[in-house]
PDB file of N, CA and C in Angstrom:
ATOM      1  N   MET A   1       0.723  -1.064  -0.051  1.00  0.00           N
ATOM      2  CA  MET A   1      -0.094  -0.071  -0.030  1.00  0.00           C
ATOM      3  C   MET A   1       0.916   1.168   0.049  1.00  0.00           C
ATOM      4  N   GLY A   2       0.358   2.214  -0.512  1.00  0.00           N
ATOM      5  CA  GLY A   2       1.100   3.488  -0.668  1.00  0.00           C
ATOM      6  C   GLY A   2       1.057   4.378   0.628  1.00  0.00           C
ATOM      7  N   ALA A   3       1.947   5.239   0.934  1.00  0.00           N
ATOM      8  CA  ALA A   3       1.933   6.212   1.981  1.00  0.00           C
ATOM      9  C   ALA A   3       0.789   7.005   1.754  1.00  0.00           C
ATOM     10  N   GLN A   4       0.108   7.404   2.970  1.00  0.00           N
ATOM     11  CA  GLN A   4      -1.113   8.144   3.053  1.00  0.00           C
ATOM     12  C   GLN A   4      -0.787   9.528   3.528  1.00  0.00           C
ATOM     13  N   ASP A   5      -1.402  10.581   2.855  1.00  0.00           N
ATOM     14  CA  ASP A   5      -1.172  12.031   3.190  1.00  0.00           C
ATOM     15  C   ASP A   5      -1.314  12.141   4.745  1.00  0.00           C
ATOM     16  N   PRO A   6      -0.429  12.634   5.571  1.00  0.00           N
ATOM     17  CA  PRO A   6      -0.600  12.786   7.013  1.00  0.00           C
ATOM     18  C   PRO A   6      -1.741  13.612   7.313  1.00  0.00           C
ATOM     19  N   GLN A   7      -2.182  14.638   6.351  1.00  0.00           N
ATOM     20  CA  GLN A   7      -3.328  15.375   6.825  1.00  0.00           C
ATOM     21  C   GLN A   7      -4.722  14.799   6.321  1.00  0.00           C
ATOM     22  N   THR A   8      -4.643  13.660   5.725  1.00  0.00           N
ATOM     23  CA  THR A   8      -5.805  13.094   5.301  1.00  0.00           C
ATOM     24  C   THR A   8      -6.153  11.985   6.428  1.00  0.00           C
ATOM     25  N   PRO A   9      -7.396  12.045   6.994  1.00  0.00           N
ATOM     26  CA  PRO A   9      -7.694  10.974   8.089  1.00  0.00           C
ATOM     27  C   PRO A   9      -7.811   9.660   7.462  1.00  0.00           C
ATOM     28  N   ALA A  10      -7.607   8.610   8.131  1.00  0.00           N
ATOM     29  CA  ALA A  10      -7.533   7.194   7.574  1.00  0.00           C
ATOM     30  C   ALA A  10      -9.130   6.846   7.543  1.00  0.00           C
ATOM     31  N   ARG A  11      -9.464   6.246   6.350  1.00  0.00           N
ATOM     32  CA  ARG A  11     -10.976   5.834   5.959  1.00  0.00           C
ATOM     33  C   ARG A  11     -11.128   4.663   6.957  1.00  0.00           C
ATOM     34  N   SER A  12     -12.311   4.373   7.561  1.00  0.00           N
ATOM     35  CA  SER A  12     -12.535   3.270   8.204  1.00  0.00           C
ATOM     36  C   SER A  12     -13.655   2.417   7.423  1.00  0.00           C
ATOM     37  N   SER A  13     -14.083   1.259   7.876  1.00  0.00           N
ATOM     38  CA  SER A  13     -15.101   0.543   6.922  1.00  0.00           C
ATOM     39  C   SER A  13     -16.297   1.225   7.097  1.00  0.00           C
ATOM     40  N   ILE A  14     -16.700   1.900   8.135  1.00  0.00           N
ATOM     41  CA  ILE A  14     -17.995   2.653   8.101  1.00  0.00           C
ATOM     42  C   ILE A  14     -18.025   3.756   7.066  1.00  0.00           C
ATOM     43  N   ASP A  15     -16.905   4.285   6.684  1.00  0.00           N
ATOM     44  CA  ASP A  15     -16.840   5.221   5.606  1.00  0.00           C
ATOM     45  C   ASP A  15     -17.423   4.443   4.281  1.00  0.00           C
ATOM     46  N   ASP A  16     -16.883   3.219   4.176  1.00  0.00           N
ATOM     47  CA  ASP A  16     -17.475   2.591   3.070  1.00  0.00           C
ATOM     48  C   ASP A  16     -18.778   2.281   3.004  1.00  0.00           C
ATOM     49  N   ILE A  17     -19.405   1.945   4.193  1.00  0.00           N
ATOM     50  CA  ILE A  17     -20.806   1.848   4.189  1.00  0.00           C
ATOM     51  C   ILE A  17     -21.538   3.024   3.913  1.00  0.00           C
ATOM     52  N   ILE A  18     -21.200   4.153   4.469  1.00  0.00           N
ATOM     53  CA  ILE A  18     -21.722   5.372   4.184  1.00  0.00           C
ATOM     54  C   ILE A  18     -21.693   5.844   2.799  1.00  0.00           C
ATOM     55  N   ASP A  19     -20.664   5.529   2.119  1.00  0.00           N
ATOM     56  CA  ASP A  19     -20.570   5.803   0.672  1.00  0.00           C
ATOM     57  C   ASP A  19     -21.572   4.937  -0.232  1.00  0.00           C
ATOM     58  N   VAL A  20     -21.847   3.736   0.303  1.00  0.00           N
ATOM     59  CA  VAL A  20     -22.809   2.791  -0.344  1.00  0.00           C
ATOM     60  C   VAL A  20     -24.235   3.415  -0.212  1.00  0.00           C
ATOM     61  N   TYR A  21     -24.583   3.968   0.917  1.00  0.00           N
ATOM     62  CA  TYR A  21     -25.989   4.575   1.250  1.00  0.00           C
ATOM     63  C   TYR A  21     -25.998   5.910   0.491  1.00  0.00           C
ATOM     64  N   LYS A  22     -25.007   6.640   0.424  1.00  0.00           N
ATOM     65  CA  LYS A  22     -25.075   8.086  -0.153  1.00  0.00           C
ATOM     66  C   LYS A  22     -25.484   8.125  -1.644  1.00  0.00           C
ATOM     67  N   LYS A  23     -25.178   7.051  -2.284  1.00  0.00           N
ATOM     68  CA  LYS A  23     -25.634   6.958  -3.688  1.00  0.00           C
ATOM     69  C   LYS A  23     -27.214   6.951  -4.017  1.00  0.00           C
ATOM     70  N   ASP A  24     -27.858   6.504  -2.929  1.00  0.00           N
ATOM     71  CA  ASP A  24     -29.286   6.347  -3.087  1.00  0.00           C
ATOM     72  C   ASP A  24     -30.001   7.560  -2.324  1.00  0.00           C
ATOM     73  N   VAL A  25     -29.304   8.484  -1.825  1.00  0.00           N
ATOM     74  CA  VAL A  25     -29.824   9.697  -1.192  1.00  0.00           C
ATOM     75  C   VAL A  25     -30.122  10.700  -2.211  1.00  0.00           C
ATOM     76  N   ASP A  26     -31.440  11.361  -2.357  1.00  0.00           N
ATOM     77  CA  ASP A  26     -31.752  12.385  -3.281  1.00  0.00           C
ATOM     78  C   ASP A  26     -31.286  13.643  -2.552  1.00  0.00           C
ATOM     79  N   ARG A  27     -30.211  14.237  -2.849  1.00  0.00           N
ATOM     80  CA  ARG A  27     -29.762  15.353  -2.268  1.00  0.00           C
ATOM     81  C   ARG A  27     -30.541  16.580  -2.603  1.00  0.00           C
ATOM     82  N   GLY A  28     -31.113  16.593  -3.688  1.00  0.00           N
ATOM     83  CA  GLY A  28     -31.986  17.745  -4.016  1.00  0.00           C
ATOM     84  C   GLY A  28     -33.218  17.864  -3.173  1.00  0.00           C
ATOM     85  N   LEU A  29     -33.815  16.763  -2.856  1.00  0.00           N
ATOM     86  CA  LEU A  29     -34.915  16.562  -1.924  1.00  0.00           C
ATOM     87  C   LEU A  29     -34.467  16.999  -0.576  1.00  0.00           C
ATOM     88  N   LEU A  30     -33.208  16.741  -0.010  1.00  0.00           N
ATOM     89  CA  LEU A  30     -32.780  17.229   1.147  1.00  0.00           C
ATOM     90  C   LEU A  30     -32.629  18.699   1.225  1.00  0.00           C
ATOM     91  N   ARG A  31     -32.014  19.208   0.156  1.00  0.00           N
ATOM     92  CA  ARG A  31     -31.915  20.775  -0.009  1.00  0.00           C
ATOM     93  C   ARG A  31     -33.360  21.428   0.106  1.00  0.00           C
ATOM     94  N   GLU A  32     -34.159  20.901  -0.568  1.00  0.00           N
ATOM     95  CA  GLU A  32     -35.600  21.496  -0.440  1.00  0.00           C
ATOM     96  C   GLU A  32     -36.092  21.474   0.752  1.00  0.00           C
ATOM     97  N   ALA A  33     -35.963  20.369   1.457  1.00  0.00           N
ATOM     98  CA  ALA A  33     -36.584  20.209   2.853  1.00  0.00           C
ATOM     99  C   ALA A  33     -35.971  21.151   3.626  1.00  0.00           C
ATOM    100  N   LEU A  34     -34.628  21.333   3.611  1.00  0.00           N
ATOM    101  CA  LEU A  34     -33.789  22.235   4.519  1.00  0.00           C
ATOM    102  C   LEU A  34     -34.115  23.693   4.256  1.00  0.00           C
ATOM    103  N   LYS A  35     -34.764  24.089   3.066  1.00  0.00           N
ATOM    104  CA  LYS A  35     -35.207  25.406   2.916  1.00  0.00           C
ATOM    105  C   LYS A  35     -36.350  25.799   3.590  1.00  0.00           C
ATOM    106  N   LEU A  36     -37.143  24.694   4.206  1.00  0.00           N
ATOM    107  CA  LEU A  36     -38.313  25.012   4.990  1.00  0.00           C
ATOM    108  C   LEU A  36     -38.031  25.328   6.393  1.00  0.00           C
ATOM    109  N   THR A  37     -38.792  26.085   7.083  1.00  0.00           N
ATOM    110  CA  THR A  37     -38.616  26.201   8.520  1.00  0.00           C
ATOM    111  C   THR A  37     -38.945  25.107   9.366  1.00  0.00           C
ATOM    112  N   PRO A  38     -38.566  25.007  10.494  1.00  0.00           N
ATOM    113  CA  PRO A  38     -38.840  23.794  11.315  1.00  0.00           C
ATOM    114  C   PRO A  38     -40.421  23.664  11.329  1.00  0.00           C
ATOM    115  N   THR A  39     -41.147  24.645  11.591  1.00  0.00           N
ATOM    116  CA  THR A  39     -42.547  24.821  11.631  1.00  0.00           C
ATOM    117  C   THR A  39     -43.171  24.124  10.375  1.00  0.00           C
ATOM    118  N   GLN A  40     -42.698  24.596   9.209  1.00  0.00           N
ATOM    119  CA  GLN A  40     -43.269  24.034   7.842  1.00  0.00           C
ATOM    120  C   GLN A  40     -42.905  22.553   7.807  1.00  0.00           C
ATOM    121  N   ARG A  41     -41.815  22.070   8.232  1.00  0.00           N
ATOM    122  CA  ARG A  41     -41.433  20.777   8.177  1.00  0.00           C
ATOM    123  C   ARG A  41     -42.434  19.817   9.154  1.00  0.00           C
ATOM    124  N   LEU A  42     -42.652  20.465  10.108  1.00  0.00           N
ATOM    125  CA  LEU A  42     -43.556  19.769  11.172  1.00  0.00           C
ATOM    126  C   LEU A  42     -44.949  19.578  10.601  1.00  0.00           C
ATOM    127  N   GLN A  43     -45.330  20.773   9.946  1.00  0.00           N
ATOM    128  CA  GLN A  43     -46.701  20.752   9.281  1.00  0.00           C
ATOM    129  C   GLN A  43     -46.711  19.701   8.145  1.00  0.00           C
ATOM    130  N   ARG A  44     -45.640  19.448   7.330  1.00  0.00           N
ATOM    131  CA  ARG A  44     -45.678  18.481   6.414  1.00  0.00           C
ATOM    132  C   ARG A  44     -45.730  16.954   7.090  1.00  0.00           C
ATOM    133  N   LEU A  45     -45.023  16.909   8.134  1.00  0.00           N
ATOM    134  CA  LEU A  45     -45.111  15.538   8.911  1.00  0.00           C
ATOM    135  C   LEU A  45     -46.540  15.214   9.301  1.00  0.00           C
ATOM    136  N   VAL A  46     -47.122  16.301   9.772  1.00  0.00           N
ATOM    137  CA  VAL A  46     -48.499  16.190  10.306  1.00  0.00           C
ATOM    138  C   VAL A  46     -49.515  15.677   9.126  1.00  0.00           C
ATOM    139  N   GLU A  47     -49.359  16.429   8.020  1.00  0.00           N
ATOM    140  CA  GLU A  47     -49.966  16.163   6.827  1.00  0.00           C
ATOM    141  C   GLU A  47     -49.859  14.763   6.317  1.00  0.00           C
ATOM    142  N   LEU A  48     -48.637  14.306   6.335  1.00  0.00           N
ATOM    143  CA  LEU A  48     -48.289  13.044   5.965  1.00  0.00           C
ATOM    144  C   LEU A  48     -48.855  11.999   7.045  1.00  0.00           C
ATOM    145  N   THR A  49     -48.905  12.318   8.138  1.00  0.00           N
ATOM    146  CA  THR A  49     -49.527  11.404   9.186  1.00  0.00           C
ATOM    147  C   THR A  49     -51.035  11.280   8.916  1.00  0.00           C
ATOM    148  N   HIS A  50     -51.785  12.479   8.671  1.00  0.00           N
ATOM    149  CA  HIS A  50     -53.056  12.246   8.257  1.00  0.00           C
ATOM    150  C   HIS A  50     -53.286  11.511   7.152  1.00  0.00           C
ATOM    151  N   PHE A  51     -52.514  11.764   6.115  1.00  0.00           N
ATOM    152  CA  PHE A  51     -52.528  11.051   4.861  1.00  0.00           C
ATOM    153  C   PHE A  51     -52.588   9.471   5.068  1.00  0.00           C
ATOM    154  N   THR A  52     -51.444   9.076   5.740  1.00  0.00           N
ATOM    155  CA  THR A  52     -51.345   7.717   6.081  1.00  0.00           C
ATOM    156  C   THR A  52     -52.698   7.017   6.743  1.00  0.00           C
ATOM    157  N   GLY A  53     -53.055   7.911   7.764  1.00  0.00           N
ATOM    158  CA  GLY A  53     -54.277   7.341   8.416  1.00  0.00           C
ATOM    159  C   GLY A  53     -55.484   7.137   7.482  1.00  0.00           C
ATOM    160  N   ARG A  54     -55.686   8.022   6.640  1.00  0.00           N
ATOM    161  CA  ARG A  54     -56.884   7.922   5.512  1.00  0.00           C
ATOM    162  C   ARG A  54     -56.520   6.709   4.658  1.00  0.00           C
ATOM    163  N   LEU A  55     -55.325   6.485   4.356  1.00  0.00           N
ATOM    164  CA  LEU A  55     -54.903   5.326   3.565  1.00  0.00           C
ATOM    165  C   LEU A  55     -55.183   3.984   4.328  1.00  0.00           C
ATOM    166  N   ARG A  56     -54.960   4.012   5.450  1.00  0.00           N
ATOM    167  CA  ARG A  56     -55.258   2.831   6.309  1.00  0.00           C
ATOM    168  C   ARG A  56     -56.742   2.571   6.438  1.00  0.00           C
ATOM    169  N   GLN A  57     -57.556   3.626   6.611  1.00  0.00           N
ATOM    170  CA  GLN A  57     -59.018   3.552   6.607  1.00  0.00           C
ATOM    171  C   GLN A  57     -59.465   3.000   5.310  1.00  0.00           C
ATOM    172  N   ALA A  58     -59.034   3.531   4.285  1.00  0.00           N
ATOM    173  CA  ALA A  58     -59.478   3.190   2.989  1.00  0.00           C
ATOM    174  C   ALA A  58     -59.186   1.645   2.773  1.00  0.00           C
ATOM    175  N   GLY A  59     -58.034   1.252   3.184  1.00  0.00           N
ATOM    176  CA  GLY A  59     -57.613  -0.145   3.106  1.00  0.00           C
ATOM    177  C   GLY A  59     -58.500  -1.152   3.828  1.00  0.00           C
ATOM    178  N   GLN A  60     -58.978  -0.600   4.987  1.00  0.00           N
ATOM    179  CA  GLN A  60     -59.889  -1.571   5.724  1.00  0.00           C
ATOM    180  C   GLN A  60     -61.249  -1.445   5.246  1.00  0.00           C
ATOM    181  N   LYS A  61     -61.606  -0.473   4.557  1.00  0.00           N
ATOM    182  CA  LYS A  61     -63.011  -0.498   4.007  1.00  0.00           C
ATOM    183  C   LYS A  61     -63.116  -1.381   2.722  1.00  0.00           C
ATOM    184  N   THR A  62     -61.953  -1.679   2.052  1.00  0.00           N
ATOM    185  CA  THR A  62     -61.765  -2.305   0.824  1.00  0.00           C
ATOM    186  C   THR A  62     -62.047  -3.760   1.158  1.00  0.00           C
ATOM    187  N   PRO A  63     -62.914  -4.633   0.283  1.00  0.00           N
ATOM    188  CA  PRO A  63     -63.138  -5.873   0.550  1.00  0.00           C
ATOM    189  C   PRO A  63     -61.917  -6.777   0.085  1.00  0.00           C
ATOM    190  N   SER A  64     -61.663  -7.740   0.813  1.00  0.00           N
ATOM    191  CA  SER A  64     -60.561  -8.609   0.330  1.00  0.00           C
ATOM    192  C   SER A  64     -61.032  -9.664  -0.677  1.00  0.00           C
TER     193      SER A  64
END
């Protein structure tokens, strides 16, 4: 193995795992979410929670 630059920290196996997951992260979506205020983000979460509740109810009403 070659010599490593002393100013560059050594990579660990966890860094490799993080790199694998990073490729699947939509960074544009993260940037858009971070433009919102915390209150706006919480409001979106509440709306999502209500939506999932309605989906569950609709699924229970549907005959199998």
